[in-house]
Amino acid sequence: MDYREAGVDISAADAAKARIKGLARSTFNAQVLTEIGSFGGMFRPDLSRYREPVLVASTDGVGTKIKVAILAGVHDTVGYDLVAHCVNDILVQGATPLFFLDYVALGKMDPVRVEQIVSGFSRACAEFSCPLIGGETAEMPGTYAEDDYDLAGFIVGVVEKDKALPRGVREGDVLVGLPSLGLHTNGYSLARKVLLETLGHRVSTHLPELGMTIGQALLAPHRGYLAALEPLLERDRLRALCHITGGGFPGNIPRVLPDGLGARLRRGAWERPPLFRLIQKGGGISDEEMERTFNMGIGMIAVVSPSDLHEVEHSLERRGETTFVIGSVVQGAGVSWE
């Protein structure tokens, strides 16, 4: 017997690595010191502009959005989603990215599919100036079905210690919502159950109310907010940022508020996109369950001083952002609605 008979094709893995080397190299900058294929990625950060730099690290996955990608046969978007998610997660602490690493696990090594996945990583890494300096591709028969795969991402960024967020949040601060493009990377198990099982749609089903197919709506990219928010970070106009991911509004907003303070939100402050309305109606889901599962069309929330609100809105609008004043910081705890 050989390894291939046991389900692991080393030649296919080598072919996949050859395909992705160029994609990763396209994201490199002068701080990357090693090629893809080294045992470890070496990175020499330029920290000369920082007085007291602090590294911020995060890791995440894409969840069952991957199942939609597999059903639709579209594999060049979920890698982008993962990088954007990780960038947003360190952005809420005021950090900008230094480098990224990926992990791809498959039931059967498919060099073409791996290349498609990594093309999403490289596209996002280039957009966010975040070099893809290494990763791992693992063929795992018996753990994953032949057509299945899973992704994980690892990011390291940096922030000046006295600029780290949250900082100085107080009662009366305003919550400014920035729109998402869809579900981003959370709530897909419930969304798939409603749309594909309860309502019986296929990923190829075109719905007039969405203006696209179910698959296109569910694979809408996870937005990255770095370009829109970085200028405001540099001008100290943000007291906190909140990435609306797993846990929705009640699971994420309290994470950036000090003890004794909560958030009061207005459901009518923005129009909830058609996809969320379709899921809610199709599954007979309560507002409370929707709001703790999905982002409901708000992917990022900025907490700002009322005196800075106009400047913040103007800055975001100049960068093509639509903004919504969705609530405020109040005495108490948790998230309440009006």
C-alpha atoms as a PDB file:
ATOM      1  CA  MET A   1       0.000   0.000   0.000  1.00  0.00           C
ATOM      2  CA  ASP A   2       0.931   3.627  -0.318  1.00  0.00           C
ATOM      3  CA  TYR A   3      -0.403   6.905   1.073  1.00  0.00           C
ATOM      4  CA  ARG A   4      -2.560   7.493  -2.021  1.00  0.00           C
ATOM      5  CA  GLU A   5      -4.411   4.212  -1.474  1.00  0.00           C
ATOM      6  CA  ALA A   6      -5.165   5.405   2.062  1.00  0.00           C
ATOM      7  CA  GLY A   7      -6.786   8.530   0.586  1.00  0.00           C
ATOM      8  CA  VAL A   8      -3.985  11.103   0.686  1.00  0.00           C
ATOM      9  CA  ASP A   9      -2.453  12.203  -2.627  1.00  0.00           C
ATOM     10  CA  ILE A  10       0.900  13.877  -1.995  1.00  0.00           C
ATOM     11  CA  SER A  11       1.365  14.663  -5.685  1.00  0.00           C
ATOM     12  CA  ALA A  12      -1.965  16.494  -5.769  1.00  0.00           C
ATOM     13  CA  ALA A  13      -0.940  18.400  -2.650  1.00  0.00           C
ATOM     14  CA  ASP A  14       2.328  19.434  -4.288  1.00  0.00           C
ATOM     15  CA  ALA A  15       0.402  20.585  -7.355  1.00  0.00           C
ATOM     16  CA  ALA A  16      -1.919  22.650  -5.153  1.00  0.00           C
ATOM     17  CA  LYS A  17       1.033  24.293  -3.401  1.00  0.00           C
ATOM     18  CA  ALA A  18       2.598  25.165  -6.745  1.00  0.00           C
ATOM     19  CA  ARG A  19      -0.658  26.804  -7.860  1.00  0.00           C
ATOM     20  CA  ILE A  20      -1.077  28.919  -4.728  1.00  0.00           C
ATOM     21  CA  LYS A  21       2.540  30.067  -4.348  1.00  0.00           C
ATOM     22  CA  GLY A  22       2.144  32.823  -6.910  1.00  0.00           C
ATOM     23  CA  LEU A  23      -1.172  33.963  -5.426  1.00  0.00           C
ATOM     24  CA  ALA A  24       0.375  34.344  -1.999  1.00  0.00           C
ATOM     25  CA  ARG A  25       3.489  36.045  -3.342  1.00  0.00           C
ATOM     26  CA  SER A  26       1.317  38.685  -5.007  1.00  0.00           C
ATOM     27  CA  THR A  27       0.324  39.915  -1.515  1.00  0.00           C
ATOM     28  CA  PHE A  28       3.894  40.265  -0.208  1.00  0.00           C
ATOM     29  CA  ASN A  29       5.534  43.511   0.838  1.00  0.00           C
ATOM     30  CA  ALA A  30       9.091  44.363   1.862  1.00  0.00           C
ATOM     31  CA  GLN A  31       8.455  43.111   5.402  1.00  0.00           C
ATOM     32  CA  VAL A  32       7.969  39.476   4.288  1.00  0.00           C
ATOM     33  CA  LEU A  33      11.281  37.600   4.487  1.00  0.00           C
ATOM     34  CA  THR A  34      10.371  34.054   3.436  1.00  0.00           C
ATOM     35  CA  GLU A  35       8.770  32.348   0.461  1.00  0.00           C
ATOM     36  CA  ILE A  36       5.668  30.186   0.697  1.00  0.00           C
ATOM     37  CA  GLY A  37       6.801  26.667   1.561  1.00  0.00           C
ATOM     38  CA  SER A  38       9.051  27.502   4.486  1.00  0.00           C
ATOM     39  CA  PHE A  39       8.344  25.781   7.784  1.00  0.00           C
ATOM     40  CA  GLY A  40       7.432  29.168   9.208  1.00  0.00           C
ATOM     41  CA  GLY A  41       6.651  32.545   7.723  1.00  0.00           C
ATOM     42  CA  MET A  42       9.116  35.267   8.658  1.00  0.00           C
ATOM     43  CA  PHE A  43       7.943  38.865   8.907  1.00  0.00           C
ATOM     44  CA  ARG A  44       9.967  41.909   9.965  1.00  0.00           C
ATOM     45  CA  PRO A  45       7.456  44.602  10.986  1.00  0.00           C
ATOM     46  CA  ASP A  46       8.272  48.252  10.563  1.00  0.00           C
ATOM     47  CA  LEU A  47       7.185  49.652  13.925  1.00  0.00           C
ATOM     48  CA  SER A  48       9.118  52.906  13.651  1.00  0.00           C
ATOM     49  CA  ARG A  49       5.989  55.066  13.732  1.00  0.00           C
ATOM     50  CA  TYR A  50       4.753  53.512  16.993  1.00  0.00           C
ATOM     51  CA  ARG A  51       5.822  54.664  20.441  1.00  0.00           C
ATOM     52  CA  GLU A  52       4.426  51.598  22.257  1.00  0.00           C
ATOM     53  CA  PRO A  53       3.162  49.055  19.724  1.00  0.00           C
ATOM     54  CA  VAL A  54       0.835  46.269  20.820  1.00  0.00           C
ATOM     55  CA  LEU A  55       0.207  43.191  18.687  1.00  0.00           C
ATOM     56  CA  VAL A  56      -3.406  42.111  18.246  1.00  0.00           C
ATOM     57  CA  ALA A  57      -4.115  38.555  17.057  1.00  0.00           C
ATOM     58  CA  SER A  58      -7.324  36.781  16.058  1.00  0.00           C
ATOM     59  CA  THR A  59      -8.482  33.572  14.426  1.00  0.00           C
ATOM     60  CA  ASP A  60     -11.782  32.590  12.858  1.00  0.00           C
ATOM     61  CA  GLY A  61     -13.579  30.440  10.311  1.00  0.00           C
ATOM     62  CA  VAL A  62     -16.335  30.853   7.732  1.00  0.00           C
ATOM     63  CA  GLY A  63     -18.783  28.374   9.263  1.00  0.00           C
ATOM     64  CA  THR A  64     -21.449  26.684   7.190  1.00  0.00           C
ATOM     65  CA  LYS A  65     -21.325  29.353   4.506  1.00  0.00           C
ATOM     66  CA  ILE A  66     -18.914  26.844   3.002  1.00  0.00           C
ATOM     67  CA  LYS A  67     -21.856  24.455   2.440  1.00  0.00           C
ATOM     68  CA  VAL A  68     -23.499  27.080   0.242  1.00  0.00           C
ATOM     69  CA  ALA A  69     -20.248  27.568  -1.678  1.00  0.00           C
ATOM     70  CA  ILE A  70     -20.054  23.814  -2.284  1.00  0.00           C
ATOM     71  CA  LEU A  71     -23.682  23.605  -3.421  1.00  0.00           C
ATOM     72  CA  ALA A  72     -23.201  26.571  -5.759  1.00  0.00           C
ATOM     73  CA  GLY A  73     -19.802  25.409  -7.023  1.00  0.00           C
ATOM     74  CA  VAL A  74     -18.321  28.813  -6.154  1.00  0.00           C
ATOM     75  CA  HIS A  75     -15.088  28.655  -4.171  1.00  0.00           C
ATOM     76  CA  ASP A  76     -13.336  31.980  -4.805  1.00  0.00           C
ATOM     77  CA  THR A  77     -15.393  34.041  -2.333  1.00  0.00           C
ATOM     78  CA  VAL A  78     -15.204  32.295   1.049  1.00  0.00           C
ATOM     79  CA  GLY A  79     -11.471  32.942   1.344  1.00  0.00           C
ATOM     80  CA  TYR A  80     -12.141  36.643   0.854  1.00  0.00           C
ATOM     81  CA  ASP A  81     -14.863  36.451   3.515  1.00  0.00           C
ATOM     82  CA  LEU A  82     -12.476  34.956   6.035  1.00  0.00           C
ATOM     83  CA  VAL A  83      -9.783  37.594   5.587  1.00  0.00           C
ATOM     84  CA  ALA A  84     -12.345  40.425   5.810  1.00  0.00           C
ATOM     85  CA  HIS A  85     -13.833  38.899   8.963  1.00  0.00           C
ATOM     86  CA  CYS A  86     -10.432  38.656  10.637  1.00  0.00           C
ATOM     87  CA  VAL A  87      -9.452  42.195   9.584  1.00  0.00           C
ATOM     88  CA  ASN A  88     -12.695  43.523  11.079  1.00  0.00           C
ATOM     89  CA  ASP A  89     -12.149  41.624  14.316  1.00  0.00           C
ATOM     90  CA  ILE A  90      -8.830  43.344  15.031  1.00  0.00           C
ATOM     91  CA  LEU A  91     -10.070  46.652  13.621  1.00  0.00           C
ATOM     92  CA  VAL A  92     -12.554  46.928  16.497  1.00  0.00           C
ATOM     93  CA  GLN A  93      -9.549  47.195  18.821  1.00  0.00           C
ATOM     94  CA  GLY A  94      -8.042  49.920  16.682  1.00  0.00           C
ATOM     95  CA  ALA A  95      -5.492  47.618  15.019  1.00  0.00           C
ATOM     96  CA  THR A  96      -4.427  47.486  11.399  1.00  0.00           C
ATOM     97  CA  PRO A  97      -3.233  44.179   9.899  1.00  0.00           C
ATOM     98  CA  LEU A  98       0.372  43.065   9.594  1.00  0.00           C
ATOM     99  CA  PHE A  99       0.014  39.573   8.098  1.00  0.00           C
ATOM    100  CA  PHE A 100      -2.358  36.644   7.608  1.00  0.00           C
ATOM    101  CA  LEU A 101      -2.102  32.843   7.548  1.00  0.00           C
ATOM    102  CA  ASP A 102      -4.649  30.318   6.333  1.00  0.00           C
ATOM    103  CA  TYR A 103      -5.627  26.709   6.952  1.00  0.00           C
ATOM    104  CA  VAL A 104      -7.501  24.662   4.343  1.00  0.00           C
ATOM    105  CA  ALA A 105      -8.685  21.135   5.165  1.00  0.00           C
ATOM    106  CA  LEU A 106     -10.276  18.950   2.482  1.00  0.00           C
ATOM    107  CA  GLY A 107     -11.747  15.490   2.151  1.00  0.00           C
ATOM    108  CA  LYS A 108     -10.011  15.061  -1.208  1.00  0.00           C
ATOM    109  CA  MET A 109      -7.177  17.186  -2.556  1.00  0.00           C
ATOM    110  CA  ASP A 110      -8.295  19.135  -5.611  1.00  0.00           C
ATOM    111  CA  PRO A 111      -5.583  21.551  -6.796  1.00  0.00           C
ATOM    112  CA  VAL A 112      -8.028  23.591  -8.886  1.00  0.00           C
ATOM    113  CA  ARG A 113     -10.441  24.052  -5.984  1.00  0.00           C
ATOM    114  CA  VAL A 114      -7.608  24.940  -3.609  1.00  0.00           C
ATOM    115  CA  GLU A 115      -6.377  27.546  -6.080  1.00  0.00           C
ATOM    116  CA  GLN A 116      -9.872  29.039  -6.268  1.00  0.00           C
ATOM    117  CA  ILE A 117     -10.125  29.210  -2.467  1.00  0.00           C
ATOM    118  CA  VAL A 118      -6.689  30.795  -2.077  1.00  0.00           C
ATOM    119  CA  SER A 119      -7.470  33.309  -4.829  1.00  0.00           C
ATOM    120  CA  GLY A 120     -10.096  34.685  -2.438  1.00  0.00           C
ATOM    121  CA  PHE A 121      -7.508  34.913   0.333  1.00  0.00           C
ATOM    122  CA  SER A 122      -5.016  36.685  -1.904  1.00  0.00           C
ATOM    123  CA  ARG A 123      -7.583  39.138  -3.316  1.00  0.00           C
ATOM    124  CA  ALA A 124      -8.596  40.210   0.181  1.00  0.00           C
ATOM    125  CA  CYS A 125      -5.044  40.294   1.512  1.00  0.00           C
ATOM    126  CA  ALA A 126      -4.050  42.590  -1.340  1.00  0.00           C
ATOM    127  CA  GLU A 127      -7.058  44.842  -0.687  1.00  0.00           C
ATOM    128  CA  PHE A 128      -6.302  45.162   3.020  1.00  0.00           C
ATOM    129  CA  SER A 129      -2.494  45.374   2.614  1.00  0.00           C
ATOM    130  CA  CYS A 130      -2.145  42.220   4.682  1.00  0.00           C
ATOM    131  CA  PRO A 131       0.435  39.768   3.270  1.00  0.00           C
ATOM    132  CA  LEU A 132      -0.474  36.091   3.153  1.00  0.00           C
ATOM    133  CA  ILE A 133       2.827  34.745   4.484  1.00  0.00           C
ATOM    134  CA  GLY A 134       1.979  31.063   4.916  1.00  0.00           C
ATOM    135  CA  GLY A 135      -0.568  28.431   5.760  1.00  0.00           C
ATOM    136  CA  GLU A 136      -1.456  24.766   5.689  1.00  0.00           C
ATOM    137  CA  THR A 137      -3.375  22.586   3.250  1.00  0.00           C
ATOM    138  CA  ALA A 138      -4.455  19.241   4.713  1.00  0.00           C
ATOM    139  CA  GLU A 139      -6.114  16.317   2.942  1.00  0.00           C
ATOM    140  CA  MET A 140      -8.179  14.478   5.569  1.00  0.00           C
ATOM    141  CA  PRO A 141     -10.171  11.544   4.161  1.00  0.00           C
ATOM    142  CA  GLY A 142     -12.502  10.024   6.716  1.00  0.00           C
ATOM    143  CA  THR A 143     -12.741  13.308   8.598  1.00  0.00           C
ATOM    144  CA  TYR A 144     -14.323  15.263   5.746  1.00  0.00           C
ATOM    145  CA  ALA A 145     -16.514  13.927   2.934  1.00  0.00           C
ATOM    146  CA  GLU A 146     -14.845  13.937  -0.472  1.00  0.00           C
ATOM    147  CA  ASP A 147     -16.393  17.246  -1.607  1.00  0.00           C
ATOM    148  CA  ASP A 148     -16.210  18.965   1.799  1.00  0.00           C
ATOM    149  CA  TYR A 149     -13.630  21.398   3.046  1.00  0.00           C
ATOM    150  CA  ASP A 150     -13.131  23.811   5.917  1.00  0.00           C
ATOM    151  CA  LEU A 151     -11.183  27.032   6.379  1.00  0.00           C
ATOM    152  CA  ALA A 152      -9.538  28.887   9.228  1.00  0.00           C
ATOM    153  CA  GLY A 153      -7.688  32.178   9.213  1.00  0.00           C
ATOM    154  CA  PHE A 154      -5.112  33.697  11.539  1.00  0.00           C
ATOM    155  CA  ILE A 155      -4.284  37.396  11.590  1.00  0.00           C
ATOM    156  CA  VAL A 156      -1.811  39.574  13.465  1.00  0.00           C
ATOM    157  CA  GLY A 157      -2.101  43.364  13.566  1.00  0.00           C
ATOM    158  CA  VAL A 158      -0.713  46.267  15.525  1.00  0.00           C
ATOM    159  CA  VAL A 159      -2.066  49.260  17.424  1.00  0.00           C
ATOM    160  CA  GLU A 160      -0.517  52.043  19.473  1.00  0.00           C
ATOM    161  CA  LYS A 161      -1.168  51.111  23.102  1.00  0.00           C
ATOM    162  CA  ASP A 162      -2.862  54.381  24.051  1.00  0.00           C
ATOM    163  CA  LYS A 163      -4.964  54.297  20.854  1.00  0.00           C
ATOM    164  CA  ALA A 164      -6.469  50.852  21.464  1.00  0.00           C
ATOM    165  CA  LEU A 165     -10.274  50.611  21.499  1.00  0.00           C
ATOM    166  CA  PRO A 166     -12.670  50.718  23.241  1.00  0.00           C
ATOM    167  CA  ARG A 167     -11.657  53.944  24.956  1.00  0.00           C
ATOM    168  CA  GLY A 168     -13.736  56.515  26.839  1.00  0.00           C
ATOM    169  CA  VAL A 169     -17.234  55.209  26.047  1.00  0.00           C
ATOM    170  CA  ARG A 170     -19.860  57.073  28.079  1.00  0.00           C
ATOM    171  CA  GLU A 171     -23.589  57.501  28.440  1.00  0.00           C
ATOM    172  CA  GLY A 172     -25.097  59.469  25.560  1.00  0.00           C
ATOM    173  CA  ASP A 173     -22.614  58.312  22.936  1.00  0.00           C
ATOM    174  CA  VAL A 174     -24.159  57.635  19.534  1.00  0.00           C
ATOM    175  CA  LEU A 175     -24.223  54.279  17.744  1.00  0.00           C
ATOM    176  CA  VAL A 176     -23.597  54.639  14.008  1.00  0.00           C
ATOM    177  CA  GLY A 177     -24.347  51.572  11.895  1.00  0.00           C
ATOM    178  CA  LEU A 178     -22.530  50.684   8.667  1.00  0.00           C
ATOM    179  CA  PRO A 179     -24.371  48.351   6.298  1.00  0.00           C
ATOM    180  CA  SER A 180     -23.498  44.749   5.540  1.00  0.00           C
ATOM    181  CA  LEU A 181     -23.832  43.148   2.120  1.00  0.00           C
ATOM    182  CA  GLY A 182     -25.756  40.172   3.455  1.00  0.00           C
ATOM    183  CA  LEU A 183     -25.353  37.559   6.159  1.00  0.00           C
ATOM    184  CA  HIS A 184     -21.559  37.968   6.099  1.00  0.00           C
ATOM    185  CA  THR A 185     -20.395  34.714   7.782  1.00  0.00           C
ATOM    186  CA  ASN A 186     -22.951  34.089  10.514  1.00  0.00           C
ATOM    187  CA  GLY A 187     -26.359  32.448  10.808  1.00  0.00           C
ATOM    188  CA  TYR A 188     -25.974  30.137   7.827  1.00  0.00           C
ATOM    189  CA  SER A 189     -27.212  26.999   9.555  1.00  0.00           C
ATOM    190  CA  LEU A 190     -30.545  28.696  10.243  1.00  0.00           C
ATOM    191  CA  ALA A 191     -30.633  30.420   6.848  1.00  0.00           C
ATOM    192  CA  ARG A 192     -30.004  27.146   4.997  1.00  0.00           C
ATOM    193  CA  LYS A 193     -32.635  25.331   7.032  1.00  0.00           C
ATOM    194  CA  VAL A 194     -35.269  27.949   6.214  1.00  0.00           C
ATOM    195  CA  LEU A 195     -34.406  28.665   2.591  1.00  0.00           C
ATOM    196  CA  LEU A 196     -33.255  25.267   1.335  1.00  0.00           C
ATOM    197  CA  GLU A 197     -35.257  22.911   3.541  1.00  0.00           C
ATOM    198  CA  THR A 198     -38.428  24.632   4.806  1.00  0.00           C
ATOM    199  CA  LEU A 199     -39.070  26.700   1.667  1.00  0.00           C
ATOM    200  CA  GLY A 200     -37.519  24.130  -0.655  1.00  0.00           C
ATOM    201  CA  HIS A 201     -35.436  26.544  -2.704  1.00  0.00           C
ATOM    202  CA  ARG A 202     -32.221  25.620  -4.482  1.00  0.00           C
ATOM    203  CA  VAL A 203     -29.129  27.776  -4.623  1.00  0.00           C
ATOM    204  CA  SER A 204     -30.017  28.330  -8.296  1.00  0.00           C
ATOM    205  CA  THR A 205     -33.537  29.601  -7.483  1.00  0.00           C
ATOM    206  CA  HIS A 206     -33.959  33.204  -8.671  1.00  0.00           C
ATOM    207  CA  LEU A 207     -36.236  35.291  -6.459  1.00  0.00           C
ATOM    208  CA  PRO A 208     -37.586  38.650  -7.711  1.00  0.00           C
ATOM    209  CA  GLU A 209     -37.592  40.108  -4.197  1.00  0.00           C
ATOM    210  CA  LEU A 210     -33.851  39.491  -3.988  1.00  0.00           C
ATOM    211  CA  GLY A 211     -33.054  40.382  -7.573  1.00  0.00           C
ATOM    212  CA  MET A 212     -30.683  37.412  -7.706  1.00  0.00           C
ATOM    213  CA  THR A 213     -30.462  33.711  -6.934  1.00  0.00           C
ATOM    214  CA  ILE A 214     -30.507  32.259  -3.432  1.00  0.00           C
ATOM    215  CA  GLY A 215     -26.872  31.232  -3.877  1.00  0.00           C
ATOM    216  CA  GLN A 216     -25.781  34.711  -4.942  1.00  0.00           C
ATOM    217  CA  ALA A 217     -27.566  36.300  -1.992  1.00  0.00           C
ATOM    218  CA  LEU A 218     -26.073  33.868   0.521  1.00  0.00           C
ATOM    219  CA  LEU A 219     -22.563  34.183  -0.937  1.00  0.00           C
ATOM    220  CA  ALA A 220     -22.550  37.994  -0.845  1.00  0.00           C
ATOM    221  CA  PRO A 221     -19.131  38.944   0.519  1.00  0.00           C
ATOM    222  CA  HIS A 222     -18.306  39.747   4.094  1.00  0.00           C
ATOM    223  CA  ARG A 223     -17.426  43.427   3.962  1.00  0.00           C
ATOM    224  CA  GLY A 224     -14.163  44.774   5.275  1.00  0.00           C
ATOM    225  CA  TYR A 225     -14.458  48.202   6.935  1.00  0.00           C
ATOM    226  CA  LEU A 226     -10.772  49.074   7.263  1.00  0.00           C
ATOM    227  CA  ALA A 227     -10.587  51.665   4.465  1.00  0.00           C
ATOM    228  CA  ALA A 228     -13.698  53.488   5.670  1.00  0.00           C
ATOM    229  CA  LEU A 229     -12.760  53.603   9.351  1.00  0.00           C
ATOM    230  CA  GLU A 230      -8.977  53.932   9.400  1.00  0.00           C
ATOM    231  CA  PRO A 231      -9.013  57.724   8.826  1.00  0.00           C
ATOM    232  CA  LEU A 232     -11.338  58.140  11.812  1.00  0.00           C
ATOM    233  CA  LEU A 233      -9.057  56.001  13.946  1.00  0.00           C
ATOM    234  CA  GLU A 234      -6.124  58.206  12.990  1.00  0.00           C
ATOM    235  CA  ARG A 235      -8.078  61.313  14.034  1.00  0.00           C
ATOM    236  CA  ASP A 236      -9.292  59.769  17.329  1.00  0.00           C
ATOM    237  CA  ARG A 237     -12.955  60.136  16.405  1.00  0.00           C
ATOM    238  CA  LEU A 238     -14.029  56.629  17.471  1.00  0.00           C
ATOM    239  CA  ARG A 239     -14.621  55.530  21.047  1.00  0.00           C
ATOM    240  CA  ALA A 240     -15.451  51.942  20.183  1.00  0.00           C
ATOM    241  CA  LEU A 241     -16.209  49.680  17.247  1.00  0.00           C
ATOM    242  CA  CYS A 242     -18.374  46.569  17.245  1.00  0.00           C
ATOM    243  CA  HIS A 243     -18.284  43.891  14.554  1.00  0.00           C
ATOM    244  CA  ILE A 244     -21.735  42.259  14.350  1.00  0.00           C
ATOM    245  CA  THR A 245     -20.881  38.575  13.973  1.00  0.00           C
ATOM    246  CA  GLY A 246     -22.028  35.429  15.808  1.00  0.00           C
ATOM    247  CA  GLY A 247     -24.434  36.381  18.569  1.00  0.00           C
ATOM    248  CA  GLY A 248     -25.852  39.323  16.649  1.00  0.00           C
ATOM    249  CA  PHE A 249     -26.552  42.570  18.471  1.00  0.00           C
ATOM    250  CA  PRO A 250     -26.994  41.273  22.054  1.00  0.00           C
ATOM    251  CA  GLY A 251     -23.953  39.028  21.773  1.00  0.00           C
ATOM    252  CA  ASN A 252     -21.532  41.636  20.461  1.00  0.00           C
ATOM    253  CA  ILE A 253     -22.410  45.187  21.506  1.00  0.00           C
ATOM    254  CA  PRO A 254     -21.924  44.554  25.268  1.00  0.00           C
ATOM    255  CA  ARG A 255     -18.385  43.329  24.524  1.00  0.00           C
ATOM    256  CA  VAL A 256     -17.260  46.901  23.805  1.00  0.00           C
ATOM    257  CA  LEU A 257     -19.177  48.717  26.569  1.00  0.00           C
ATOM    258  CA  PRO A 258     -17.873  49.279  30.102  1.00  0.00           C
ATOM    259  CA  ASP A 259     -19.691  47.932  33.149  1.00  0.00           C
ATOM    260  CA  GLY A 260     -22.824  49.872  33.968  1.00  0.00           C
ATOM    261  CA  LEU A 261     -23.593  50.849  30.380  1.00  0.00           C
ATOM    262  CA  GLY A 262     -25.830  49.263  27.764  1.00  0.00           C
ATOM    263  CA  ALA A 263     -27.188  50.078  24.324  1.00  0.00           C
ATOM    264  CA  ARG A 264     -30.626  51.263  23.267  1.00  0.00           C
ATOM    265  CA  LEU A 265     -31.361  50.529  19.593  1.00  0.00           C
ATOM    266  CA  ARG A 266     -34.171  51.593  17.251  1.00  0.00           C
ATOM    267  CA  ARG A 267     -35.562  48.893  14.971  1.00  0.00           C
ATOM    268  CA  GLY A 268     -36.889  51.486  12.539  1.00  0.00           C
ATOM    269  CA  ALA A 269     -33.553  53.274  12.118  1.00  0.00           C
ATOM    270  CA  TRP A 270     -32.697  51.299   8.979  1.00  0.00           C
ATOM    271  CA  GLU A 271     -34.543  49.124   6.498  1.00  0.00           C
ATOM    272  CA  ARG A 272     -33.761  45.464   6.963  1.00  0.00           C
ATOM    273  CA  PRO A 273     -32.664  43.962   3.633  1.00  0.00           C
ATOM    274  CA  PRO A 274     -35.007  41.576   1.751  1.00  0.00           C
ATOM    275  CA  LEU A 275     -32.916  38.482   2.502  1.00  0.00           C
ATOM    276  CA  PHE A 276     -33.441  38.872   6.244  1.00  0.00           C
ATOM    277  CA  ARG A 277     -37.164  39.502   5.786  1.00  0.00           C
ATOM    278  CA  LEU A 278     -37.414  36.372   3.611  1.00  0.00           C
ATOM    279  CA  ILE A 279     -35.677  34.225   6.235  1.00  0.00           C
ATOM    280  CA  GLN A 280     -37.759  35.633   9.080  1.00  0.00           C
ATOM    281  CA  LYS A 281     -41.086  35.136   7.323  1.00  0.00           C
ATOM    282  CA  GLY A 282     -40.169  31.732   5.900  1.00  0.00           C
ATOM    283  CA  GLY A 283     -39.116  30.387   9.274  1.00  0.00           C
ATOM    284  CA  GLY A 284     -41.656  32.204  11.444  1.00  0.00           C
ATOM    285  CA  ILE A 285     -38.734  33.615  13.435  1.00  0.00           C
ATOM    286  CA  SER A 286     -39.148  36.227  16.169  1.00  0.00           C
ATOM    287  CA  ASP A 287     -37.396  39.589  16.051  1.00  0.00           C
ATOM    288  CA  GLU A 288     -35.381  38.623  19.116  1.00  0.00           C
ATOM    289  CA  GLU A 289     -34.117  35.405  17.527  1.00  0.00           C
ATOM    290  CA  MET A 290     -33.231  37.176  14.283  1.00  0.00           C
ATOM    291  CA  GLU A 291     -31.340  39.901  16.130  1.00  0.00           C
ATOM    292  CA  ARG A 292     -29.207  37.463  18.118  1.00  0.00           C
ATOM    293  CA  THR A 293     -28.440  35.311  15.066  1.00  0.00           C
ATOM    294  CA  PHE A 294     -27.967  37.720  12.147  1.00  0.00           C
ATOM    295  CA  ASN A 295     -26.503  41.180  11.550  1.00  0.00           C
ATOM    296  CA  MET A 296     -29.856  42.317  10.055  1.00  0.00           C
ATOM    297  CA  GLY A 297     -28.058  44.517   7.530  1.00  0.00           C
ATOM    298  CA  ILE A 298     -25.638  46.215   9.960  1.00  0.00           C
ATOM    299  CA  GLY A 299     -22.123  44.783   9.762  1.00  0.00           C
ATOM    300  CA  MET A 300     -20.211  47.259  11.924  1.00  0.00           C
ATOM    301  CA  ILE A 301     -21.192  49.781  14.604  1.00  0.00           C
ATOM    302  CA  ALA A 302     -19.138  52.833  15.526  1.00  0.00           C
ATOM    303  CA  VAL A 303     -19.577  54.374  18.972  1.00  0.00           C
ATOM    304  CA  VAL A 304     -18.910  58.105  18.732  1.00  0.00           C
ATOM    305  CA  SER A 305     -19.277  61.230  20.807  1.00  0.00           C
ATOM    306  CA  PRO A 306     -22.350  63.317  19.862  1.00  0.00           C
ATOM    307  CA  SER A 307     -19.985  66.235  19.208  1.00  0.00           C
ATOM    308  CA  ASP A 308     -18.091  64.165  16.623  1.00  0.00           C
ATOM    309  CA  LEU A 309     -21.146  62.687  14.900  1.00  0.00           C
ATOM    310  CA  HIS A 310     -21.254  65.148  11.996  1.00  0.00           C
ATOM    311  CA  GLU A 311     -17.539  64.727  11.251  1.00  0.00           C
ATOM    312  CA  VAL A 312     -17.829  60.936  11.423  1.00  0.00           C
ATOM    313  CA  GLU A 313     -20.833  60.839   9.091  1.00  0.00           C
ATOM    314  CA  HIS A 314     -19.173  63.232   6.639  1.00  0.00           C
ATOM    315  CA  SER A 315     -15.936  61.222   6.601  1.00  0.00           C
ATOM    316  CA  LEU A 316     -17.789  57.988   5.937  1.00  0.00           C
ATOM    317  CA  GLU A 317     -20.009  59.516   3.267  1.00  0.00           C
ATOM    318  CA  ARG A 318     -16.935  60.842   1.425  1.00  0.00           C
ATOM    319  CA  ARG A 319     -15.731  57.239   1.249  1.00  0.00           C
ATOM    320  CA  GLY A 320     -19.013  56.052  -0.244  1.00  0.00           C
ATOM    321  CA  GLU A 321     -20.519  54.748   2.982  1.00  0.00           C
ATOM    322  CA  THR A 322     -24.186  54.844   3.907  1.00  0.00           C
ATOM    323  CA  THR A 323     -24.626  55.396   7.645  1.00  0.00           C
ATOM    324  CA  PHE A 324     -27.501  55.001  10.079  1.00  0.00           C
ATOM    325  CA  VAL A 325     -27.800  56.433  13.577  1.00  0.00           C
ATOM    326  CA  ILE A 326     -29.250  53.306  15.148  1.00  0.00           C
ATOM    327  CA  GLY A 327     -29.162  54.041  18.883  1.00  0.00           C
ATOM    328  CA  SER A 328     -27.199  55.319  21.835  1.00  0.00           C
ATOM    329  CA  VAL A 329     -25.294  54.274  24.927  1.00  0.00           C
ATOM    330  CA  VAL A 330     -27.458  54.287  28.062  1.00  0.00           C
ATOM    331  CA  GLN A 331     -27.215  53.437  31.741  1.00  0.00           C
ATOM    332  CA  GLY A 332     -27.784  49.744  32.401  1.00  0.00           C
ATOM    333  CA  ALA A 333     -26.566  46.576  30.708  1.00  0.00           C
ATOM    334  CA  GLY A 334     -27.112  44.578  27.536  1.00  0.00           C
ATOM    335  CA  VAL A 335     -29.146  45.651  24.509  1.00  0.00           C
ATOM    336  CA  SER A 336     -32.701  46.958  24.538  1.00  0.00           C
ATOM    337  CA  TRP A 337     -34.932  48.097  21.676  1.00  0.00           C
ATOM    338  CA  GLU A 338     -37.446  50.855  21.081  1.00  0.00           C
END
